[in-house]
């Protein structure tokens, strides 16, 4: 079920974070993980006809934001980097990535 949900993160990007969290716990899944998976499927069933709306905009300026949270993942104490890109007022790209190494101070994570 989790592998199928990973394929569904392409058209439904709003579930990417929670599917990633559930996939990380597959080595020792619990009853709560199964409840989370069922909850994701209920969410998808309820949002079948929802989607992103793109607005026609004459002012096509590119605007990007980024952020890093130092040791924000409470389970691994790793930093999470995130960013989003707008074209006009339309969100066209976003990402959140857990860093591969753990930093010991704020100066090292910048």
PDB file of N, CA and C in Angstrom:
ATOM      1  N   UNK A   1       0.816  -1.194   0.000  1.00  0.00           N
ATOM      2  CA  UNK A   1       0.000   0.000   0.000  1.00  0.00           C
ATOM      3  C   UNK A   1       0.861   1.259   0.000  1.00  0.00           C
ATOM      4  N   UNK A   2       1.978   1.216   0.737  1.00  0.00           N
ATOM      5  CA  UNK A   2       2.835   2.396   0.812  1.00  0.00           C
ATOM      6  C   UNK A   2       3.521   2.652  -0.529  1.00  0.00           C
ATOM      7  N   UNK A   3       3.905   1.592  -1.237  1.00  0.00           N
ATOM      8  CA  UNK A   3       4.511   1.773  -2.559  1.00  0.00           C
ATOM      9  C   UNK A   3       3.503   2.413  -3.509  1.00  0.00           C
ATOM     10  N   UNK A   4       2.261   1.997  -3.447  1.00  0.00           N
ATOM     11  CA  UNK A   4       1.218   2.621  -4.255  1.00  0.00           C
ATOM     12  C   UNK A   4       1.018   4.082  -3.889  1.00  0.00           C
ATOM     13  N   UNK A   5       1.091   4.392  -2.593  1.00  0.00           N
ATOM     14  CA  UNK A   5       0.970   5.782  -2.166  1.00  0.00           C
ATOM     15  C   UNK A   5       2.142   6.623  -2.651  1.00  0.00           C
ATOM     16  N   UNK A   6       3.331   6.020  -2.729  1.00  0.00           N
ATOM     17  CA  UNK A   6       4.481   6.765  -3.241  1.00  0.00           C
ATOM     18  C   UNK A   6       4.278   7.151  -4.700  1.00  0.00           C
ATOM     19  N   UNK A   7       3.655   6.296  -5.492  1.00  0.00           N
ATOM     20  CA  UNK A   7       3.334   6.663  -6.870  1.00  0.00           C
ATOM     21  C   UNK A   7       2.278   7.767  -6.910  1.00  0.00           C
ATOM     22  N   UNK A   8       1.375   7.787  -5.946  1.00  0.00           N
ATOM     23  CA  UNK A   8       0.326   8.807  -5.918  1.00  0.00           C
ATOM     24  C   UNK A   8       0.837  10.171  -5.477  1.00  0.00           C
ATOM     25  N   UNK A   9       2.066  10.250  -4.965  1.00  0.00           N
ATOM     26  CA  UNK A   9       2.590  11.555  -4.578  1.00  0.00           C
ATOM     27  C   UNK A   9       2.919  12.417  -5.796  1.00  0.00           C
ATOM     28  N   UNK A  10       2.960  11.841  -6.988  1.00  0.00           N
ATOM     29  CA  UNK A  10       3.192  12.662  -8.187  1.00  0.00           C
ATOM     30  C   UNK A  10       1.982  13.536  -8.512  1.00  0.00           C
ATOM     31  N   UNK A  11       0.764  12.990  -8.625  1.00  0.00           N
ATOM     32  CA  UNK A  11      -0.367  13.894  -8.863  1.00  0.00           C
ATOM     33  C   UNK A  11      -0.870  14.589  -7.602  1.00  0.00           C
ATOM     34  N   UNK A  12      -0.675  14.000  -6.428  1.00  0.00           N
ATOM     35  CA  UNK A  12      -1.115  14.592  -5.165  1.00  0.00           C
ATOM     36  C   UNK A  12       0.101  14.913  -4.321  1.00  0.00           C
ATOM     37  N   UNK A  13       0.725  16.048  -4.597  1.00  0.00           N
ATOM     38  CA  UNK A  13       1.946  16.412  -3.884  1.00  0.00           C
ATOM     39  C   UNK A  13       1.701  16.774  -2.423  1.00  0.00           C
ATOM     40  N   UNK A  14       0.462  17.052  -2.050  1.00  0.00           N
ATOM     41  CA  UNK A  14       0.183  17.418  -0.669  1.00  0.00           C
ATOM     42  C   UNK A  14       0.314  16.242   0.292  1.00  0.00           C
ATOM     43  N   UNK A  15       0.380  15.021  -0.197  1.00  0.00           N
ATOM     44  CA  UNK A  15       0.537  13.862   0.688  1.00  0.00           C
ATOM     45  C   UNK A  15       1.982  13.374   0.749  1.00  0.00           C
ATOM     46  N   UNK A  16       2.897  14.039   0.050  1.00  0.00           N
ATOM     47  CA  UNK A  16       4.275  13.561  -0.052  1.00  0.00           C
ATOM     48  C   UNK A  16       4.946  13.456   1.310  1.00  0.00           C
ATOM     49  N   UNK A  17       4.746  14.429   2.190  1.00  0.00           N
ATOM     50  CA  UNK A  17       5.426  14.411   3.485  1.00  0.00           C
ATOM     51  C   UNK A  17       4.964  13.238   4.342  1.00  0.00           C
ATOM     52  N   UNK A  18       3.658  13.057   4.477  1.00  0.00           N
ATOM     53  CA  UNK A  18       3.165  11.993   5.354  1.00  0.00           C
ATOM     54  C   UNK A  18       3.468  10.611   4.781  1.00  0.00           C
ATOM     55  N   UNK A  19       3.438  10.467   3.459  1.00  0.00           N
ATOM     56  CA  UNK A  19       3.797   9.179   2.852  1.00  0.00           C
ATOM     57  C   UNK A  19       5.270   8.889   3.109  1.00  0.00           C
ATOM     58  N   UNK A  20       6.119   9.906   3.048  1.00  0.00           N
ATOM     59  CA  UNK A  20       7.536   9.726   3.349  1.00  0.00           C
ATOM     60  C   UNK A  20       7.723   9.301   4.799  1.00  0.00           C
ATOM     61  N   UNK A  21       6.971   9.908   5.723  1.00  0.00           N
ATOM     62  CA  UNK A  21       7.078   9.539   7.133  1.00  0.00           C
ATOM     63  C   UNK A  21       6.663   8.084   7.369  1.00  0.00           C
ATOM     64  N   UNK A  22       5.591   7.656   6.727  1.00  0.00           N
ATOM     65  CA  UNK A  22       5.127   6.267   6.879  1.00  0.00           C
ATOM     66  C   UNK A  22       6.121   5.306   6.236  1.00  0.00           C
ATOM     67  N   UNK A  23       6.677   5.669   5.086  1.00  0.00           N
ATOM     68  CA  UNK A  23       7.626   4.793   4.393  1.00  0.00           C
ATOM     69  C   UNK A  23       8.899   4.593   5.212  1.00  0.00           C
ATOM     70  N   UNK A  24       9.305   5.586   5.989  1.00  0.00           N
ATOM     71  CA  UNK A  24      10.503   5.454   6.815  1.00  0.00           C
ATOM     72  C   UNK A  24      10.309   4.469   7.952  1.00  0.00           C
ATOM     73  N   UNK A  25       9.072   4.183   8.307  1.00  0.00           N
ATOM     74  CA  UNK A  25       8.795   3.285   9.428  1.00  0.00           C
ATOM     75  C   UNK A  25       8.423   1.869   8.983  1.00  0.00           C
ATOM     76  N   UNK A  26       8.680   1.509   7.739  1.00  0.00           N
ATOM     77  CA  UNK A  26       8.272   0.202   7.223  1.00  0.00           C
ATOM     78  C   UNK A  26       9.064  -0.962   7.800  1.00  0.00           C
ATOM     79  N   UNK A  27      10.215  -0.709   8.374  1.00  0.00           N
ATOM     80  CA  UNK A  27      10.990  -1.820   8.932  1.00  0.00           C
ATOM     81  C   UNK A  27      10.319  -2.414  10.168  1.00  0.00           C
ATOM     82  N   UNK A  28       9.600  -1.580  10.916  1.00  0.00           N
ATOM     83  CA  UNK A  28       8.880  -2.068  12.097  1.00  0.00           C
ATOM     84  C   UNK A  28       7.534  -1.352  12.189  1.00  0.00           C
ATOM     85  N   UNK A  29       6.592  -1.661  11.282  1.00  0.00           N
ATOM     86  CA  UNK A  29       5.305  -0.949  11.289  1.00  0.00           C
ATOM     87  C   UNK A  29       4.458  -1.322  12.511  1.00  0.00           C
ATOM     88  N   UNK A  30       3.676  -0.360  12.959  1.00  0.00           N
ATOM     89  CA  UNK A  30       2.797  -0.569  14.108  1.00  0.00           C
ATOM     90  C   UNK A  30       1.341  -0.374  13.676  1.00  0.00           C
ATOM     91  N   UNK A  31       0.447  -0.569  14.614  1.00  0.00           N
ATOM     92  CA  UNK A  31      -0.975  -0.354  14.370  1.00  0.00           C
ATOM     93  C   UNK A  31      -1.242   1.107  13.987  1.00  0.00           C
ATOM     94  N   UNK A  32      -0.513   2.033  14.596  1.00  0.00           N
ATOM     95  CA  UNK A  32      -0.686   3.454  14.299  1.00  0.00           C
ATOM     96  C   UNK A  32      -0.265   3.785  12.869  1.00  0.00           C
ATOM     97  N   UNK A  33       0.757   3.081  12.365  1.00  0.00           N
ATOM     98  CA  UNK A  33       1.178   3.292  10.979  1.00  0.00           C
ATOM     99  C   UNK A  33       0.079   2.852  10.015  1.00  0.00           C
ATOM    100  N   UNK A  34      -0.560   1.727  10.316  1.00  0.00           N
ATOM    101  CA  UNK A  34      -1.663   1.259   9.471  1.00  0.00           C
ATOM    102  C   UNK A  34      -2.831   2.232   9.512  1.00  0.00           C
ATOM    103  N   UNK A  35      -3.099   2.798  10.682  1.00  0.00           N
ATOM    104  CA  UNK A  35      -4.151   3.811  10.788  1.00  0.00           C
ATOM    105  C   UNK A  35      -3.794   5.051   9.983  1.00  0.00           C
ATOM    106  N   UNK A  36      -2.517   5.415   9.966  1.00  0.00           N
ATOM    107  CA  UNK A  36      -2.087   6.570   9.176  1.00  0.00           C
ATOM    108  C   UNK A  36      -2.267   6.295   7.687  1.00  0.00           C
ATOM    109  N   UNK A  37      -1.939   5.085   7.250  1.00  0.00           N
ATOM    110  CA  UNK A  37      -2.107   4.723   5.842  1.00  0.00           C
ATOM    111  C   UNK A  37      -3.583   4.772   5.452  1.00  0.00           C
ATOM    112  N   UNK A  38      -4.450   4.227   6.309  1.00  0.00           N
ATOM    113  CA  UNK A  38      -5.890   4.284   6.035  1.00  0.00           C
ATOM    114  C   UNK A  38      -6.377   5.731   5.990  1.00  0.00           C
ATOM    115  N   UNK A  39      -5.838   6.568   6.873  1.00  0.00           N
ATOM    116  CA  UNK A  39      -6.210   7.979   6.885  1.00  0.00           C
ATOM    117  C   UNK A  39      -5.814   8.693   5.603  1.00  0.00           C
ATOM    118  N   UNK A  40      -4.664   8.320   5.044  1.00  0.00           N
ATOM    119  CA  UNK A  40      -4.231   8.916   3.778  1.00  0.00           C
ATOM    120  C   UNK A  40      -5.209   8.531   2.673  1.00  0.00           C
ATOM    121  N   UNK A  41      -5.610   7.266   2.639  1.00  0.00           N
ATOM    122  CA  UNK A  41      -6.570   6.838   1.616  1.00  0.00           C
ATOM    123  C   UNK A  41      -7.921   7.538   1.784  1.00  0.00           C
ATOM    124  N   UNK A  42      -8.374   7.746   3.023  1.00  0.00           N
ATOM    125  CA  UNK A  42      -9.621   8.482   3.251  1.00  0.00           C
ATOM    126  C   UNK A  42      -9.482   9.924   2.774  1.00  0.00           C
ATOM    127  N   UNK A  43      -8.312  10.518   3.023  1.00  0.00           N
ATOM    128  CA  UNK A  43      -8.063  11.891   2.569  1.00  0.00           C
ATOM    129  C   UNK A  43      -8.125  11.964   1.044  1.00  0.00           C
ATOM    130  N   UNK A  44      -7.484  11.008   0.369  1.00  0.00           N
ATOM    131  CA  UNK A  44      -7.487  10.999  -1.099  1.00  0.00           C
ATOM    132  C   UNK A  44      -8.898  10.825  -1.644  1.00  0.00           C
ATOM    133  N   UNK A  45      -9.683   9.968  -0.997  1.00  0.00           N
ATOM    134  CA  UNK A  45     -11.056   9.757  -1.446  1.00  0.00           C
ATOM    135  C   UNK A  45     -11.878  11.038  -1.323  1.00  0.00           C
ATOM    136  N   UNK A  46     -11.634  11.808  -0.283  1.00  0.00           N
ATOM    137  CA  UNK A  46     -12.386  13.035  -0.069  1.00  0.00           C
ATOM    138  C   UNK A  46     -11.916  14.215  -0.902  1.00  0.00           C
ATOM    139  N   UNK A  47     -10.727  14.121  -1.492  1.00  0.00           N
ATOM    140  CA  UNK A  47     -10.181  15.257  -2.252  1.00  0.00           C
ATOM    141  C   UNK A  47      -9.976  14.920  -3.726  1.00  0.00           C
ATOM    142  N   UNK A  48     -10.743  13.986  -4.257  1.00  0.00           N
ATOM    143  CA  UNK A  48     -10.579  13.593  -5.662  1.00  0.00           C
ATOM    144  C   UNK A  48     -10.798  14.751  -6.627  1.00  0.00           C
ATOM    145  N   UNK A  49     -11.694  15.650  -6.299  1.00  0.00           N
ATOM    146  CA  UNK A  49     -12.036  16.724  -7.232  1.00  0.00           C
ATOM    147  C   UNK A  49     -11.416  18.060  -6.836  1.00  0.00           C
ATOM    148  N   UNK A  50     -10.423  18.035  -5.967  1.00  0.00           N
ATOM    149  CA  UNK A  50      -9.702  19.249  -5.579  1.00  0.00           C
ATOM    150  C   UNK A  50      -8.395  19.313  -6.357  1.00  0.00           C
ATOM    151  N   UNK A  51      -7.905  20.496  -6.591  1.00  0.00           N
ATOM    152  CA  UNK A  51      -6.646  20.632  -7.312  1.00  0.00           C
ATOM    153  C   UNK A  51      -6.124  22.050  -7.245  1.00  0.00           C
ATOM    154  N   UNK A  52      -4.969  22.272  -7.846  1.00  0.00           N
ATOM    155  CA  UNK A  52      -4.374  23.603  -7.905  1.00  0.00           C
ATOM    156  C   UNK A  52      -5.017  24.401  -9.017  1.00  0.00           C
ATOM    157  N   UNK A  53      -5.204  25.664  -8.764  1.00  0.00           N
ATOM    158  CA  UNK A  53      -5.748  26.564  -9.769  1.00  0.00           C
ATOM    159  C   UNK A  53      -4.631  27.484 -10.245  1.00  0.00           C
ATOM    160  N   UNK A  54      -4.446  27.563 -11.548  1.00  0.00           N
ATOM    161  CA  UNK A  54      -3.456  28.466 -12.117  1.00  0.00           C
ATOM    162  C   UNK A  54      -4.172  29.668 -12.694  1.00  0.00           C
ATOM    163  N   UNK A  55      -3.708  30.844 -12.320  1.00  0.00           N
ATOM    164  CA  UNK A  55      -4.318  32.087 -12.749  1.00  0.00           C
ATOM    165  C   UNK A  55      -3.541  32.669 -13.928  1.00  0.00           C
ATOM    166  N   UNK A  56      -4.263  33.208 -14.896  1.00  0.00           N
ATOM    167  CA  UNK A  56      -3.621  33.905 -16.003  1.00  0.00           C
ATOM    168  C   UNK A  56      -3.113  35.230 -15.459  1.00  0.00           C
ATOM    169  N   UNK A  57      -1.844  35.468 -15.641  1.00  0.00           N
ATOM    170  CA  UNK A  57      -1.213  36.641 -15.073  1.00  0.00           C
ATOM    171  C   UNK A  57      -0.325  37.292 -16.121  1.00  0.00           C
ATOM    172  N   UNK A  58      -0.466  38.575 -16.329  1.00  0.00           N
ATOM    173  CA  UNK A  58       0.379  39.272 -17.292  1.00  0.00           C
ATOM    174  C   UNK A  58       1.764  39.543 -16.735  1.00  0.00           C
ATOM    175  N   UNK A  59       1.865  39.671 -15.436  1.00  0.00           N
ATOM    176  CA  UNK A  59       3.150  39.935 -14.787  1.00  0.00           C
ATOM    177  C   UNK A  59       3.788  38.608 -14.380  1.00  0.00           C
ATOM    178  N   UNK A  60       4.595  38.038 -15.249  1.00  0.00           N
ATOM    179  CA  UNK A  60       5.205  36.734 -14.978  1.00  0.00           C
ATOM    180  C   UNK A  60       6.597  36.905 -14.367  1.00  0.00           C
ATOM    181  N   UNK A  61       6.637  37.314 -13.130  1.00  0.00           N
ATOM    182  CA  UNK A  61       7.913  37.411 -12.439  1.00  0.00           C
ATOM    183  C   UNK A  61       8.145  36.132 -11.631  1.00  0.00           C
ATOM    184  N   UNK A  62       9.391  35.720 -11.546  1.00  0.00           N
ATOM    185  CA  UNK A  62       9.761  34.510 -10.826  1.00  0.00           C
ATOM    186  C   UNK A  62      10.186  34.899  -9.421  1.00  0.00           C
ATOM    187  N   UNK A  63       9.604  34.253  -8.426  1.00  0.00           N
ATOM    188  CA  UNK A  63       9.882  34.566  -7.031  1.00  0.00           C
ATOM    189  C   UNK A  63      10.126  33.257  -6.288  1.00  0.00           C
ATOM    190  N   UNK A  64      11.231  33.197  -5.547  1.00  0.00           N
ATOM    191  CA  UNK A  64      11.580  31.966  -4.831  1.00  0.00           C
ATOM    192  C   UNK A  64      11.855  32.275  -3.363  1.00  0.00           C
ATOM    193  N   UNK A  65      11.447  31.375  -2.496  1.00  0.00           N
ATOM    194  CA  UNK A  65      11.701  31.462  -1.061  1.00  0.00           C
ATOM    195  C   UNK A  65      12.384  30.174  -0.625  1.00  0.00           C
ATOM    196  N   UNK A  66      13.279  30.290   0.344  1.00  0.00           N
ATOM    197  CA  UNK A  66      13.904  29.091   0.907  1.00  0.00           C
ATOM    198  C   UNK A  66      14.086  29.284   2.402  1.00  0.00           C
ATOM    199  N   UNK A  67      14.199  28.170   3.111  1.00  0.00           N
ATOM    200  CA  UNK A  67      14.326  28.210   4.555  1.00  0.00           C
ATOM    201  C   UNK A  67      15.067  26.959   5.005  1.00  0.00           C
ATOM    202  N   UNK A  68      15.810  27.084   6.072  1.00  0.00           N
ATOM    203  CA  UNK A  68      16.433  25.912   6.682  1.00  0.00           C
ATOM    204  C   UNK A  68      16.093  25.934   8.167  1.00  0.00           C
ATOM    205  N   UNK A  69      15.655  24.817   8.658  1.00  0.00           N
ATOM    206  CA  UNK A  69      15.356  24.686  10.080  1.00  0.00           C
ATOM    207  C   UNK A  69      16.430  23.826  10.723  1.00  0.00           C
ATOM    208  N   UNK A  70      17.166  24.378  11.667  1.00  0.00           N
ATOM    209  CA  UNK A  70      18.262  23.650  12.276  1.00  0.00           C
ATOM    210  C   UNK A  70      17.727  22.621  13.256  1.00  0.00           C
ATOM    211  N   UNK A  71      18.026  21.350  13.019  1.00  0.00           N
ATOM    212  CA  UNK A  71      17.639  20.220  13.882  1.00  0.00           C
ATOM    213  C   UNK A  71      16.135  20.190  14.122  1.00  0.00           C
ATOM    214  N   UNK A  72      15.338  20.421  13.075  1.00  0.00           N
ATOM    215  CA  UNK A  72      13.885  20.477  13.232  1.00  0.00           C
ATOM    216  C   UNK A  72      13.220  19.112  13.220  1.00  0.00           C
ATOM    217  N   UNK A  73      13.881  18.096  12.684  1.00  0.00           N
ATOM    218  CA  UNK A  73      13.304  16.756  12.720  1.00  0.00           C
ATOM    219  C   UNK A  73      13.570  16.167  14.095  1.00  0.00           C
ATOM    220  N   UNK A  74      12.515  15.993  14.882  1.00  0.00           N
ATOM    221  CA  UNK A  74      12.682  15.577  16.272  1.00  0.00           C
ATOM    222  C   UNK A  74      13.163  14.134  16.422  1.00  0.00           C
ATOM    223  N   UNK A  75      12.953  13.300  15.402  1.00  0.00           N
ATOM    224  CA  UNK A  75      13.374  11.904  15.532  1.00  0.00           C
ATOM    225  C   UNK A  75      14.853  11.709  15.232  1.00  0.00           C
ATOM    226  N   UNK A  76      15.417  12.482  14.303  1.00  0.00           N
ATOM    227  CA  UNK A  76      16.819  12.291  13.924  1.00  0.00           C
ATOM    228  C   UNK A  76      17.699  13.500  14.224  1.00  0.00           C
ATOM    229  N   UNK A  77      17.122  14.610  14.658  1.00  0.00           N
ATOM    230  CA  UNK A  77      17.837  15.863  14.935  1.00  0.00           C
ATOM    231  C   UNK A  77      18.577  16.397  13.717  1.00  0.00           C
ATOM    232  N   UNK A  78      18.058  16.125  12.538  1.00  0.00           N
ATOM    233  CA  UNK A  78      18.669  16.641  11.314  1.00  0.00           C
ATOM    234  C   UNK A  78      17.929  17.888  10.861  1.00  0.00           C
ATOM    235  N   UNK A  79      18.623  18.714  10.108  1.00  0.00           N
ATOM    236  CA  UNK A  79      18.031  19.941   9.596  1.00  0.00           C
ATOM    237  C   UNK A  79      17.163  19.636   8.383  1.00  0.00           C
ATOM    238  N   UNK A  80      16.149  20.462   8.185  1.00  0.00           N
ATOM    239  CA  UNK A  80      15.258  20.309   7.038  1.00  0.00           C
ATOM    240  C   UNK A  80      15.320  21.597   6.224  1.00  0.00           C
ATOM    241  N   UNK A  81      15.641  21.454   4.934  1.00  0.00           N
ATOM    242  CA  UNK A  81      15.689  22.573   4.016  1.00  0.00           C
ATOM    243  C   UNK A  81      14.427  22.544   3.178  1.00  0.00           C
ATOM    244  N   UNK A  82      13.792  23.709   3.007  1.00  0.00           N
ATOM    245  CA  UNK A  82      12.583  23.764   2.199  1.00  0.00           C
ATOM    246  C   UNK A  82      12.628  24.995   1.302  1.00  0.00           C
ATOM    247  N   UNK A  83      11.897  24.919   0.201  1.00  0.00           N
ATOM    248  CA  UNK A  83      11.822  26.053  -0.718  1.00  0.00           C
ATOM    249  C   UNK A  83      10.538  25.972  -1.525  1.00  0.00           C
ATOM    250  N   UNK A  84      10.130  27.114  -2.061  1.00  0.00           N
ATOM    251  CA  UNK A  84       8.986  27.169  -2.964  1.00  0.00           C
ATOM    252  C   UNK A  84       9.251  28.242  -4.013  1.00  0.00           C
ATOM    253  N   UNK A  85       8.710  28.020  -5.217  1.00  0.00           N
ATOM    254  CA  UNK A  85       8.929  28.917  -6.342  1.00  0.00           C
ATOM    255  C   UNK A  85       7.575  29.313  -6.922  1.00  0.00           C
ATOM    256  N   UNK A  86       7.390  30.603  -7.137  1.00  0.00           N
ATOM    257  CA  UNK A  86       6.175  31.150  -7.722  1.00  0.00           C
ATOM    258  C   UNK A  86       6.490  31.753  -9.083  1.00  0.00           C
ATOM    259  N   UNK A  87       5.603  31.559 -10.031  1.00  0.00           N
ATOM    260  CA  UNK A  87       5.646  32.254 -11.316  1.00  0.00           C
ATOM    261  C   UNK A  87       4.405  33.130 -11.351  1.00  0.00           C
ATOM    262  N   UNK A  88       4.598  34.441 -11.184  1.00  0.00           N
ATOM    263  CA  UNK A  88       3.464  35.323 -10.966  1.00  0.00           C
ATOM    264  C   UNK A  88       2.887  35.019  -9.597  1.00  0.00           C
ATOM    265  N   UNK A  89       1.610  34.700  -9.525  1.00  0.00           N
ATOM    266  CA  UNK A  89       1.017  34.303  -8.243  1.00  0.00           C
ATOM    267  C   UNK A  89       0.714  32.810  -8.190  1.00  0.00           C
ATOM    268  N   UNK A  90       1.282  32.043  -9.127  1.00  0.00           N
ATOM    269  CA  UNK A  90       1.063  30.600  -9.191  1.00  0.00           C
ATOM    270  C   UNK A  90       2.246  29.848  -8.596  1.00  0.00           C
ATOM    271  N   UNK A  91       1.967  28.966  -7.665  1.00  0.00           N
ATOM    272  CA  UNK A  91       2.999  28.108  -7.093  1.00  0.00           C
ATOM    273  C   UNK A  91       3.333  27.033  -8.114  1.00  0.00           C
ATOM    274  N   UNK A  92       4.606  26.965  -8.551  1.00  0.00           N
ATOM    275  CA  UNK A  92       4.973  25.998  -9.577  1.00  0.00           C
ATOM    276  C   UNK A  92       5.917  24.913  -9.078  1.00  0.00           C
ATOM    277  N   UNK A  93       6.550  25.137  -7.925  1.00  0.00           N
ATOM    278  CA  UNK A  93       7.466  24.123  -7.410  1.00  0.00           C
ATOM    279  C   UNK A  93       7.653  24.322  -5.910  1.00  0.00           C
ATOM    280  N   UNK A  94       7.773  23.197  -5.188  1.00  0.00           N
ATOM    281  CA  UNK A  94       8.105  23.268  -3.776  1.00  0.00           C
ATOM    282  C   UNK A  94       8.842  21.997  -3.399  1.00  0.00           C
ATOM    283  N   UNK A  95       9.661  22.103  -2.361  1.00  0.00           N
ATOM    284  CA  UNK A  95      10.443  20.962  -1.923  1.00  0.00           C
ATOM    285  C   UNK A  95      10.747  21.081  -0.433  1.00  0.00           C
ATOM    286  N   UNK A  96      10.942  19.960   0.193  1.00  0.00           N
ATOM    287  CA  UNK A  96      11.414  19.883   1.575  1.00  0.00           C
ATOM    288  C   UNK A  96      12.335  18.682   1.641  1.00  0.00           C
ATOM    289  N   UNK A  97      13.542  18.885   2.156  1.00  0.00           N
ATOM    290  CA  UNK A  97      14.528  17.805   2.164  1.00  0.00           C
ATOM    291  C   UNK A  97      15.230  17.742   3.514  1.00  0.00           C
ATOM    292  N   UNK A  98      15.311  16.537   4.045  1.00  0.00           N
ATOM    293  CA  UNK A  98      16.054  16.311   5.276  1.00  0.00           C
ATOM    294  C   UNK A  98      17.535  16.186   4.906  1.00  0.00           C
ATOM    295  N   UNK A  99      18.386  16.909   5.613  1.00  0.00           N
ATOM    296  CA  UNK A  99      19.818  16.877   5.316  1.00  0.00           C
ATOM    297  C   UNK A  99      20.394  15.501   5.639  1.00  0.00           C
ATOM    298  N   UNK A 100      21.409  15.096   4.884  1.00  0.00           N
ATOM    299  CA  UNK A 100      21.971  13.753   5.048  1.00  0.00           C
ATOM    300  C   UNK A 100      22.911  13.640   6.245  1.00  0.00           C
ATOM    301  N   UNK A 101      23.434  14.752   6.725  1.00  0.00           N
ATOM    302  CA  UNK A 101      24.325  14.719   7.885  1.00  0.00           C
ATOM    303  C   UNK A 101      23.746  15.574   8.991  1.00  0.00           C
ATOM    304  N   UNK A 102      24.126  15.255  10.219  1.00  0.00           N
ATOM    305  CA  UNK A 102      23.639  16.014  11.378  1.00  0.00           C
ATOM    306  C   UNK A 102      24.696  17.037  11.759  1.00  0.00           C
ATOM    307  N   UNK A 103      24.309  18.291  11.878  1.00  0.00           N
ATOM    308  CA  UNK A 103      25.246  19.332  12.280  1.00  0.00           C
ATOM    309  C   UNK A 103      25.185  19.513  13.802  1.00  0.00           C
ATOM    310  N   UNK A 104      26.313  19.917  14.376  1.00  0.00           N
ATOM    311  CA  UNK A 104      26.377  20.050  15.827  1.00  0.00           C
ATOM    312  C   UNK A 104      26.172  21.476  16.299  1.00  0.00           C
ATOM    313  N   UNK A 105      26.181  22.441  15.374  1.00  0.00           N
ATOM    314  CA  UNK A 105      25.928  23.811  15.760  1.00  0.00           C
ATOM    315  C   UNK A 105      25.232  24.537  14.620  1.00  0.00           C
ATOM    316  N   UNK A 106      24.671  25.675  14.929  1.00  0.00           N
ATOM    317  CA  UNK A 106      23.968  26.468  13.939  1.00  0.00           C
ATOM    318  C   UNK A 106      24.920  26.991  12.867  1.00  0.00           C
ATOM    319  N   UNK A 107      26.155  27.298  13.215  1.00  0.00           N
ATOM    320  CA  UNK A 107      27.124  27.824  12.257  1.00  0.00           C
ATOM    321  C   UNK A 107      27.467  26.780  11.189  1.00  0.00           C
ATOM    322  N   UNK A 108      27.484  25.504  11.556  1.00  0.00           N
ATOM    323  CA  UNK A 108      27.810  24.455  10.597  1.00  0.00           C
ATOM    324  C   UNK A 108      26.676  24.196   9.620  1.00  0.00           C
ATOM    325  N   UNK A 109      25.442  24.488   9.986  1.00  0.00           N
ATOM    326  CA  UNK A 109      24.316  24.166   9.124  1.00  0.00           C
ATOM    327  C   UNK A 109      24.027  25.229   8.071  1.00  0.00           C
ATOM    328  N   UNK A 110      24.652  26.377   8.170  1.00  0.00           N
ATOM    329  CA  UNK A 110      24.388  27.461   7.209  1.00  0.00           C
ATOM    330  C   UNK A 110      25.134  27.268   5.921  1.00  0.00           C
TER     331      UNK A 110
END
